[in-house]
Structure formats: C-alpha cells, structure tokens
C-alpha cells in the first residue's frame, strides 16, 4: 500500500481552530488514532510573529570564549584526520596540538569579530516564530469525515 500525499492543487478547508500548537497536535493525533488518513491534514499557524528572546550580554571575553569553543571543535576534527596518518602514541600529541591551535585561532577570530562591531549588538538571543492561533485544515474531499471524527472540537473558525 502506498501513501498518497495531496499535491499543491489540493484544496484544504479549515475544520477546527485552536490557540496552541500542542492542542493542534492532540487533535491530529486523535484523527490518526481513529484511522483517518492524516496525510490529508495540515496544521496552519495564523498570525505569525517573530519573537527574539535575549539570553545574555555579549562581551569581547564571551565572544573569545565562544570562538575558542568552536575553534577547538574544528581543531578536534582536523586532529582526528591527521592522527589517521600517525603511528604509535604520537597521534595523541597531534590531536592535542590541533585542538589547542583551533581554540587559540577561534578565540582570536571571535574576539576580533565582536570587537570590530564597535559595541553594536552586545547581547545574545534566540529567535523563534509564534502563531496567535492554529487551524487544522483538511483536504476538501476528507473534510466531512474529519469533522465527524473530531465531534464537538470541529467548530469552524471565524472567517475574520
């Protein structure tokens, strides 16, 4: 049996509207549990906004430390590749030297990159997207069945 996924020409219609994503997931899971072909369902976030959560202050020292960490990982990768061609216990020395060089260069570049900004954007942050509400939409051919299976939860959203 092959799954068929509706193409871009499929027309989707809203079945229910909820305020949180976990609620939307729960309703789709309910459809799945009742044997509904969920490949005809989509969750659409409406009223999308970008949210940037500031997580801390960024200083030259912090930038150097972050650069050192990234450089050390890169050095570890290079060291592992070079260690493949070294015999005896020398591979450990090659690995440690590569990590040290990577950390040092990473710290230098991290510091210089932040210092060169002249104090602009002296903070760290994480950006995410949030929706004000979520619509469970179903391919038009399956909408009635989905509404029946969802029962009371299947109240159509406001057209506004």
N, C-alpha and C. Protein backbone atom coordinates (compact mmCIF):
# COMPACT_ATOMS: atom_id res chain seq x y z
N UNK A 1 0.84 -1.18 0.00
CA UNK A 1 0.00 0.00 0.00
C UNK A 1 0.88 1.24 0.00
N UNK A 2 0.63 2.17 -0.86
CA UNK A 2 1.42 3.40 -0.92
C UNK A 2 0.60 4.55 -0.39
N UNK A 3 1.27 5.44 0.31
CA UNK A 3 0.62 6.64 0.82
C UNK A 3 0.56 7.67 -0.28
N UNK A 4 -0.56 8.32 -0.38
CA UNK A 4 -0.68 9.39 -1.36
C UNK A 4 -0.80 10.71 -0.61
N UNK A 5 0.05 11.62 -0.96
CA UNK A 5 0.05 12.93 -0.34
C UNK A 5 -0.53 13.92 -1.33
N UNK A 6 -1.51 14.71 -0.90
CA UNK A 6 -2.11 15.67 -1.82
C UNK A 6 -1.08 16.64 -2.35
N UNK A 7 -1.15 16.93 -3.62
CA UNK A 7 -0.22 17.87 -4.24
C UNK A 7 -0.65 19.30 -3.99
N UNK A 8 0.08 20.25 -4.61
CA UNK A 8 -0.22 21.65 -4.39
C UNK A 8 -1.61 22.06 -4.88
N UNK A 9 -2.21 21.27 -5.79
CA UNK A 9 -3.52 21.62 -6.32
C UNK A 9 -4.64 21.25 -5.34
N UNK A 10 -4.34 20.43 -4.31
CA UNK A 10 -5.37 20.03 -3.36
C UNK A 10 -5.90 21.26 -2.63
N UNK A 11 -7.20 21.29 -2.42
CA UNK A 11 -7.83 22.41 -1.75
C UNK A 11 -8.09 22.01 -0.30
N UNK A 12 -7.55 22.77 0.62
CA UNK A 12 -7.72 22.49 2.04
C UNK A 12 -8.76 23.44 2.62
N UNK A 13 -9.54 22.90 3.56
CA UNK A 13 -10.55 23.69 4.24
C UNK A 13 -10.37 23.55 5.74
N UNK A 14 -10.57 24.63 6.49
CA UNK A 14 -10.42 24.55 7.95
C UNK A 14 -11.52 23.71 8.58
N UNK A 15 -11.14 22.91 9.57
CA UNK A 15 -12.09 22.08 10.31
C UNK A 15 -12.25 22.62 11.72
N UNK A 16 -11.14 22.99 12.33
CA UNK A 16 -11.18 23.48 13.71
C UNK A 16 -10.02 24.46 13.91
N UNK A 17 -10.22 25.36 14.85
CA UNK A 17 -9.19 26.35 15.19
C UNK A 17 -8.90 26.24 16.68
N UNK A 18 -7.61 26.23 17.04
CA UNK A 18 -7.20 26.16 18.45
C UNK A 18 -6.17 27.24 18.71
N UNK A 19 -5.89 27.48 19.98
CA UNK A 19 -4.98 28.58 20.33
C UNK A 19 -3.54 28.15 20.55
N UNK A 20 -3.30 26.84 20.74
CA UNK A 20 -1.91 26.39 20.97
C UNK A 20 -1.55 25.26 20.03
N UNK A 21 -0.27 25.16 19.75
CA UNK A 21 0.21 24.10 18.87
C UNK A 21 0.02 22.71 19.48
N UNK A 22 0.28 22.53 20.80
CA UNK A 22 0.03 21.20 21.38
C UNK A 22 -1.43 20.76 21.22
N UNK A 23 -2.38 21.69 21.31
CA UNK A 23 -3.79 21.34 21.08
C UNK A 23 -3.99 20.84 19.65
N UNK A 24 -3.37 21.53 18.70
CA UNK A 24 -3.49 21.13 17.29
C UNK A 24 -2.90 19.74 17.09
N UNK A 25 -1.76 19.47 17.68
CA UNK A 25 -1.15 18.15 17.59
C UNK A 25 -2.05 17.09 18.19
N UNK A 26 -2.67 17.40 19.32
CA UNK A 26 -3.55 16.45 20.00
C UNK A 26 -4.73 16.09 19.11
N UNK A 27 -5.29 17.08 18.41
CA UNK A 27 -6.43 16.81 17.54
C UNK A 27 -6.03 15.97 16.32
N UNK A 28 -4.87 16.27 15.75
CA UNK A 28 -4.41 15.45 14.63
C UNK A 28 -4.12 14.03 15.10
N UNK A 29 -3.57 13.91 16.30
CA UNK A 29 -3.32 12.58 16.86
C UNK A 29 -4.64 11.83 17.08
N UNK A 30 -5.67 12.55 17.51
CA UNK A 30 -6.99 11.93 17.68
C UNK A 30 -7.51 11.40 16.34
N UNK A 31 -7.33 12.19 15.28
CA UNK A 31 -7.73 11.73 13.94
C UNK A 31 -6.96 10.46 13.56
N UNK A 32 -5.66 10.48 13.81
CA UNK A 32 -4.82 9.33 13.48
C UNK A 32 -5.26 8.08 14.25
N UNK A 33 -5.54 8.27 15.55
CA UNK A 33 -5.97 7.13 16.38
C UNK A 33 -7.28 6.53 15.88
N UNK A 34 -8.11 7.34 15.23
CA UNK A 34 -9.40 6.87 14.74
C UNK A 34 -9.34 6.39 13.30
N UNK A 35 -8.11 6.25 12.76
CA UNK A 35 -7.93 5.68 11.43
C UNK A 35 -8.08 6.66 10.28
N UNK A 36 -8.13 7.94 10.56
CA UNK A 36 -8.27 8.94 9.50
C UNK A 36 -6.96 9.02 8.71
N UNK A 37 -7.01 9.18 7.39
CA UNK A 37 -5.77 9.31 6.60
C UNK A 37 -5.15 10.70 6.82
N UNK A 38 -4.27 10.78 7.82
CA UNK A 38 -3.74 12.08 8.25
C UNK A 38 -2.83 12.75 7.23
N UNK A 39 -2.48 12.05 6.16
CA UNK A 39 -1.68 12.71 5.11
C UNK A 39 -2.50 13.76 4.37
N UNK A 40 -3.80 13.84 4.68
CA UNK A 40 -4.67 14.85 4.09
C UNK A 40 -4.94 16.00 5.06
N UNK A 41 -4.13 16.10 6.11
CA UNK A 41 -4.31 17.11 7.16
C UNK A 41 -3.09 18.00 7.21
N UNK A 42 -3.31 19.26 7.54
CA UNK A 42 -2.17 20.14 7.80
C UNK A 42 -2.53 21.07 8.94
N UNK A 43 -1.52 21.49 9.67
CA UNK A 43 -1.67 22.45 10.76
C UNK A 43 -1.10 23.76 10.24
N UNK A 44 -1.93 24.81 10.26
CA UNK A 44 -1.50 26.10 9.72
C UNK A 44 -1.49 27.13 10.85
N UNK A 45 -0.33 27.71 11.08
CA UNK A 45 -0.21 28.80 12.05
C UNK A 45 -0.71 30.09 11.42
N UNK A 46 -1.58 30.79 12.12
CA UNK A 46 -2.16 32.04 11.63
C UNK A 46 -1.71 33.16 12.56
N UNK A 47 -1.38 34.31 11.98
CA UNK A 47 -0.93 35.43 12.79
C UNK A 47 0.49 35.21 13.29
N UNK A 48 1.38 34.89 12.38
CA UNK A 48 2.77 34.57 12.73
C UNK A 48 3.51 35.86 13.12
N UNK A 49 4.31 35.75 14.18
CA UNK A 49 5.17 36.87 14.59
C UNK A 49 6.54 36.33 14.99
N UNK A 50 7.53 37.13 14.81
CA UNK A 50 8.89 36.77 15.19
C UNK A 50 9.14 37.25 16.61
N UNK A 51 9.69 36.36 17.45
CA UNK A 51 9.98 36.70 18.84
C UNK A 51 11.46 36.45 19.09
N UNK A 52 12.16 37.49 19.52
CA UNK A 52 13.59 37.36 19.83
C UNK A 52 13.77 37.44 21.33
N UNK A 53 14.18 36.33 21.94
CA UNK A 53 14.40 36.28 23.38
C UNK A 53 15.87 36.57 23.66
N UNK A 54 16.15 37.65 24.38
CA UNK A 54 17.53 37.99 24.74
C UNK A 54 17.97 37.03 25.83
N UNK A 55 19.12 36.38 25.61
CA UNK A 55 19.58 35.35 26.54
C UNK A 55 20.77 35.78 27.38
N UNK A 56 21.40 36.88 27.03
CA UNK A 56 22.53 37.32 27.84
C UNK A 56 23.32 38.45 27.19
N UNK A 57 24.31 38.93 27.95
CA UNK A 57 25.18 40.01 27.49
C UNK A 57 26.34 39.40 26.73
N UNK A 58 26.77 40.07 25.67
CA UNK A 58 27.91 39.59 24.88
C UNK A 58 29.06 40.59 25.04
N UNK A 59 30.15 40.11 25.57
CA UNK A 59 31.35 40.93 25.75
C UNK A 59 32.44 40.39 24.84
N UNK A 60 33.54 41.13 24.76
CA UNK A 60 34.69 40.65 23.98
C UNK A 60 35.20 39.32 24.54
N UNK A 61 35.22 39.20 25.87
CA UNK A 61 35.66 37.96 26.50
C UNK A 61 34.76 36.80 26.18
N UNK A 62 33.44 37.04 26.21
CA UNK A 62 32.49 35.98 25.89
C UNK A 62 32.61 35.57 24.43
N UNK A 63 32.81 36.57 23.55
CA UNK A 63 32.98 36.27 22.13
C UNK A 63 34.24 35.43 21.91
N UNK A 64 35.31 35.77 22.62
CA UNK A 64 36.56 35.00 22.50
C UNK A 64 36.36 33.57 23.02
N UNK A 65 35.62 33.43 24.12
CA UNK A 65 35.37 32.11 24.68
C UNK A 65 34.53 31.26 23.72
N UNK A 66 33.49 31.85 23.16
CA UNK A 66 32.67 31.13 22.18
C UNK A 66 33.49 30.75 20.95
N UNK A 67 34.34 31.66 20.50
CA UNK A 67 35.22 31.38 19.36
C UNK A 67 36.20 30.26 19.67
N UNK A 68 36.71 30.25 20.90
CA UNK A 68 37.65 29.20 21.31
C UNK A 68 36.95 27.84 21.30
N UNK A 69 35.72 27.80 21.76
CA UNK A 69 34.98 26.54 21.77
C UNK A 69 34.75 26.02 20.35
N UNK A 70 34.32 26.90 19.47
CA UNK A 70 34.11 26.49 18.08
C UNK A 70 35.41 26.08 17.41
N UNK A 71 36.47 26.84 17.68
CA UNK A 71 37.78 26.51 17.11
C UNK A 71 38.32 25.19 17.63
N UNK A 72 38.06 24.89 18.90
CA UNK A 72 38.52 23.63 19.48
C UNK A 72 37.83 22.44 18.79
N UNK A 73 36.54 22.58 18.51
CA UNK A 73 35.83 21.51 17.80
C UNK A 73 36.41 21.31 16.41
N UNK A 74 36.68 22.41 15.71
CA UNK A 74 37.27 22.31 14.39
C UNK A 74 38.66 21.69 14.48
N UNK A 75 39.43 22.11 15.48
CA UNK A 75 40.75 21.53 15.70
C UNK A 75 40.68 20.04 15.99
N UNK A 76 39.67 19.62 16.74
CA UNK A 76 39.49 18.21 17.02
C UNK A 76 39.25 17.42 15.73
N UNK A 77 38.42 17.97 14.86
CA UNK A 77 38.14 17.31 13.57
C UNK A 77 39.43 17.18 12.75
N UNK A 78 40.17 18.28 12.63
CA UNK A 78 41.42 18.26 11.86
C UNK A 78 42.42 17.31 12.52
N UNK A 79 42.49 17.36 13.84
CA UNK A 79 43.42 16.48 14.56
C UNK A 79 43.10 15.01 14.35
N UNK A 80 41.82 14.67 14.36
CA UNK A 80 41.44 13.28 14.12
C UNK A 80 41.82 12.82 12.71
N UNK A 81 41.63 13.72 11.75
CA UNK A 81 42.01 13.36 10.37
C UNK A 81 43.52 13.19 10.24
N UNK A 82 44.28 14.09 10.85
CA UNK A 82 45.74 13.98 10.78
C UNK A 82 46.26 12.78 11.57
N UNK A 83 45.58 12.46 12.68
CA UNK A 83 46.03 11.34 13.52
C UNK A 83 45.91 10.00 12.81
N UNK A 84 45.09 9.95 11.76
CA UNK A 84 44.98 8.71 11.00
C UNK A 84 46.30 8.31 10.35
N UNK A 85 47.16 9.28 10.12
CA UNK A 85 48.41 9.03 9.40
C UNK A 85 49.62 8.98 10.33
N UNK A 86 49.39 8.94 11.63
CA UNK A 86 50.48 8.94 12.62
C UNK A 86 50.50 7.59 13.32
N UNK A 87 51.71 7.09 13.56
CA UNK A 87 51.86 5.80 14.24
C UNK A 87 52.18 5.99 15.71
N UNK A 88 52.02 4.94 16.47
CA UNK A 88 52.33 4.91 17.91
C UNK A 88 51.51 5.93 18.70
N UNK A 89 52.13 6.44 19.75
CA UNK A 89 51.44 7.34 20.68
C UNK A 89 51.44 8.78 20.16
N UNK A 90 52.11 9.06 19.08
CA UNK A 90 52.19 10.42 18.54
C UNK A 90 50.82 10.96 18.12
N UNK A 91 49.85 10.08 17.87
CA UNK A 91 48.54 10.55 17.43
C UNK A 91 47.88 11.42 18.49
N UNK A 92 48.13 11.10 19.78
CA UNK A 92 47.54 11.89 20.86
C UNK A 92 48.13 13.30 20.87
N UNK A 93 49.43 13.40 20.62
CA UNK A 93 50.08 14.71 20.56
C UNK A 93 49.53 15.53 19.40
N UNK A 94 49.38 14.90 18.25
CA UNK A 94 48.82 15.59 17.08
C UNK A 94 47.42 16.09 17.40
N UNK A 95 46.62 15.25 18.03
CA UNK A 95 45.25 15.61 18.37
C UNK A 95 45.20 16.79 19.33
N UNK A 96 46.01 16.75 20.40
CA UNK A 96 46.01 17.83 21.39
C UNK A 96 46.52 19.15 20.81
N UNK A 97 47.55 19.07 19.97
CA UNK A 97 48.09 20.29 19.35
C UNK A 97 47.05 20.89 18.40
N UNK A 98 46.35 20.06 17.64
CA UNK A 98 45.32 20.57 16.73
C UNK A 98 44.18 21.24 17.49
N UNK A 99 43.76 20.65 18.60
CA UNK A 99 42.70 21.26 19.42
C UNK A 99 43.17 22.59 20.00
N UNK A 100 44.42 22.64 20.49
CA UNK A 100 44.96 23.87 21.06
C UNK A 100 45.06 24.98 20.02
N UNK A 101 45.58 24.64 18.83
CA UNK A 101 45.66 25.65 17.76
C UNK A 101 44.27 26.12 17.33
N UNK A 102 43.34 25.18 17.21
CA UNK A 102 41.98 25.55 16.84
C UNK A 102 41.35 26.48 17.86
N UNK A 103 41.54 26.18 19.14
CA UNK A 103 40.98 27.02 20.20
C UNK A 103 41.61 28.41 20.19
N UNK A 104 42.92 28.46 20.01
CA UNK A 104 43.61 29.76 20.01
C UNK A 104 43.15 30.63 18.84
N UNK A 105 43.11 30.06 17.64
CA UNK A 105 42.67 30.82 16.47
C UNK A 105 41.19 31.19 16.57
N UNK A 106 40.38 30.28 17.09
CA UNK A 106 38.97 30.57 17.28
C UNK A 106 38.75 31.71 18.25
N UNK A 107 39.51 31.71 19.35
CA UNK A 107 39.40 32.79 20.33
C UNK A 107 39.81 34.13 19.71
N UNK A 108 40.90 34.12 18.94
CA UNK A 108 41.36 35.35 18.29
C UNK A 108 40.30 35.89 17.32
N UNK A 109 39.80 35.02 16.46
CA UNK A 109 38.81 35.47 15.49
C UNK A 109 37.49 35.86 16.15
N UNK A 110 37.07 35.14 17.20
CA UNK A 110 35.86 35.51 17.93
C UNK A 110 35.98 36.88 18.56
N UNK A 111 37.13 37.13 19.20
CA UNK A 111 37.38 38.43 19.81
C UNK A 111 37.38 39.54 18.77
N UNK A 112 38.13 39.35 17.68
CA UNK A 112 38.23 40.39 16.65
C UNK A 112 36.89 40.66 15.97
N UNK A 113 36.12 39.61 15.73
CA UNK A 113 34.81 39.80 15.09
C UNK A 113 33.89 40.62 15.97
N UNK A 114 33.87 40.35 17.26
CA UNK A 114 33.00 41.12 18.15
C UNK A 114 33.54 42.53 18.37
N UNK A 115 34.83 42.65 18.56
CA UNK A 115 35.45 43.96 18.79
C UNK A 115 35.21 44.89 17.61
N UNK A 116 35.23 44.33 16.39
CA UNK A 116 35.07 45.16 15.19
C UNK A 116 33.67 45.74 15.04
N UNK A 117 32.70 45.23 15.79
CA UNK A 117 31.34 45.77 15.68
C UNK A 117 31.20 47.10 16.40
N UNK A 118 32.17 47.47 17.20
CA UNK A 118 32.14 48.76 17.89
C UNK A 118 31.03 48.88 18.92
N UNK A 119 30.62 47.79 19.52
CA UNK A 119 29.62 47.85 20.59
C UNK A 119 28.19 47.65 20.12
N UNK A 120 28.00 47.47 18.82
CA UNK A 120 26.64 47.20 18.35
C UNK A 120 26.30 45.73 18.63
N UNK A 121 25.10 45.53 19.04
CA UNK A 121 24.56 44.18 19.32
C UNK A 121 25.41 43.45 20.36
N UNK A 122 25.50 44.04 21.55
CA UNK A 122 26.25 43.44 22.65
C UNK A 122 25.38 42.51 23.49
N UNK A 123 24.62 41.67 22.82
CA UNK A 123 23.79 40.70 23.51
C UNK A 123 23.62 39.47 22.64
N UNK A 124 23.28 38.36 23.29
CA UNK A 124 22.97 37.13 22.57
C UNK A 124 21.47 36.91 22.65
N UNK A 125 20.93 36.20 21.66
CA UNK A 125 19.49 35.98 21.65
C UNK A 125 19.15 34.75 20.83
N UNK A 126 17.91 34.32 20.98
CA UNK A 126 17.37 33.20 20.22
C UNK A 126 16.07 33.69 19.60
N UNK A 127 15.93 33.50 18.29
CA UNK A 127 14.73 33.95 17.58
C UNK A 127 13.83 32.76 17.29
N UNK A 128 12.55 32.96 17.50
CA UNK A 128 11.57 31.91 17.17
C UNK A 128 10.35 32.57 16.54
N UNK A 129 9.49 31.75 15.99
CA UNK A 129 8.24 32.23 15.41
C UNK A 129 7.09 31.66 16.21
N UNK A 130 6.09 32.48 16.44
CA UNK A 130 4.90 32.06 17.18
C UNK A 130 3.67 32.45 16.38
N UNK A 131 2.63 31.65 16.52
CA UNK A 131 1.36 31.95 15.87
C UNK A 131 0.33 32.31 16.94
N UNK A 132 -0.62 33.18 16.58
CA UNK A 132 -1.66 33.53 17.54
C UNK A 132 -2.72 32.44 17.62
N UNK A 133 -2.86 31.66 16.55
CA UNK A 133 -3.80 30.54 16.56
C UNK A 133 -3.38 29.54 15.49
N UNK A 134 -3.96 28.34 15.56
CA UNK A 134 -3.63 27.28 14.62
C UNK A 134 -4.92 26.69 14.04
N UNK A 135 -4.93 26.50 12.75
CA UNK A 135 -6.07 25.87 12.09
C UNK A 135 -5.69 24.45 11.70
N UNK A 136 -6.60 23.52 11.97
CA UNK A 136 -6.47 22.16 11.44
C UNK A 136 -7.22 22.21 10.12
N UNK A 137 -6.50 22.04 9.03
CA UNK A 137 -7.12 22.06 7.71
C UNK A 137 -7.04 20.67 7.10
N UNK A 138 -8.10 20.33 6.38
CA UNK A 138 -8.18 19.00 5.77
C UNK A 138 -8.53 19.17 4.30
N UNK A 139 -7.95 18.34 3.49
CA UNK A 139 -8.25 18.28 2.07
C UNK A 139 -9.78 18.20 1.93
N UNK A 140 -10.33 19.00 1.02
CA UNK A 140 -11.78 19.16 0.89
C UNK A 140 -12.52 17.83 0.77
N UNK A 141 -11.94 16.87 0.11
CA UNK A 141 -12.59 15.57 -0.08
C UNK A 141 -12.76 14.80 1.23
N UNK A 142 -11.97 15.13 2.25
CA UNK A 142 -12.00 14.40 3.52
C UNK A 142 -12.51 15.25 4.68
N UNK A 143 -12.94 16.48 4.40
CA UNK A 143 -13.31 17.40 5.47
C UNK A 143 -14.48 16.89 6.31
N UNK A 144 -15.52 16.40 5.68
CA UNK A 144 -16.71 15.93 6.42
C UNK A 144 -16.36 14.79 7.37
N UNK A 145 -15.53 13.87 6.90
CA UNK A 145 -15.13 12.74 7.75
C UNK A 145 -14.33 13.24 8.95
N UNK A 146 -13.41 14.18 8.71
CA UNK A 146 -12.60 14.72 9.81
C UNK A 146 -13.48 15.44 10.82
N UNK A 147 -14.42 16.24 10.33
CA UNK A 147 -15.32 16.96 11.23
C UNK A 147 -16.14 15.98 12.08
N UNK A 148 -16.59 14.89 11.47
CA UNK A 148 -17.35 13.88 12.20
C UNK A 148 -16.49 13.22 13.28
N UNK A 149 -15.25 12.87 12.94
CA UNK A 149 -14.37 12.20 13.89
C UNK A 149 -13.95 13.11 15.04
N UNK A 150 -13.84 14.41 14.77
CA UNK A 150 -13.43 15.34 15.83
C UNK A 150 -14.62 15.75 16.70
N UNK A 151 -15.83 15.55 16.22
CA UNK A 151 -17.02 15.82 17.03
C UNK A 151 -17.14 17.27 17.42
N UNK A 152 -17.30 17.52 18.73
CA UNK A 152 -17.51 18.87 19.25
C UNK A 152 -16.32 19.80 18.99
N UNK A 153 -15.12 19.24 18.87
CA UNK A 153 -13.96 20.09 18.65
C UNK A 153 -13.98 20.72 17.27
N UNK A 154 -14.76 20.15 16.35
CA UNK A 154 -14.76 20.59 14.94
C UNK A 154 -15.74 21.72 14.71
N UNK A 155 -15.49 22.84 15.36
CA UNK A 155 -16.27 24.04 15.07
C UNK A 155 -15.46 24.89 14.10
N UNK A 156 -16.04 25.30 13.00
CA UNK A 156 -15.27 26.04 12.02
C UNK A 156 -14.77 27.37 12.58
N UNK A 157 -13.58 27.78 12.19
CA UNK A 157 -13.03 29.04 12.67
C UNK A 157 -13.80 30.23 12.10
N UNK A 158 -13.68 31.37 12.80
CA UNK A 158 -14.28 32.60 12.31
C UNK A 158 -13.64 33.01 11.00
N UNK A 159 -14.40 33.50 10.02
CA UNK A 159 -13.82 33.89 8.74
C UNK A 159 -12.97 35.16 8.84
N UNK A 160 -12.96 35.85 9.97
CA UNK A 160 -12.22 37.11 10.10
C UNK A 160 -10.77 36.94 10.09
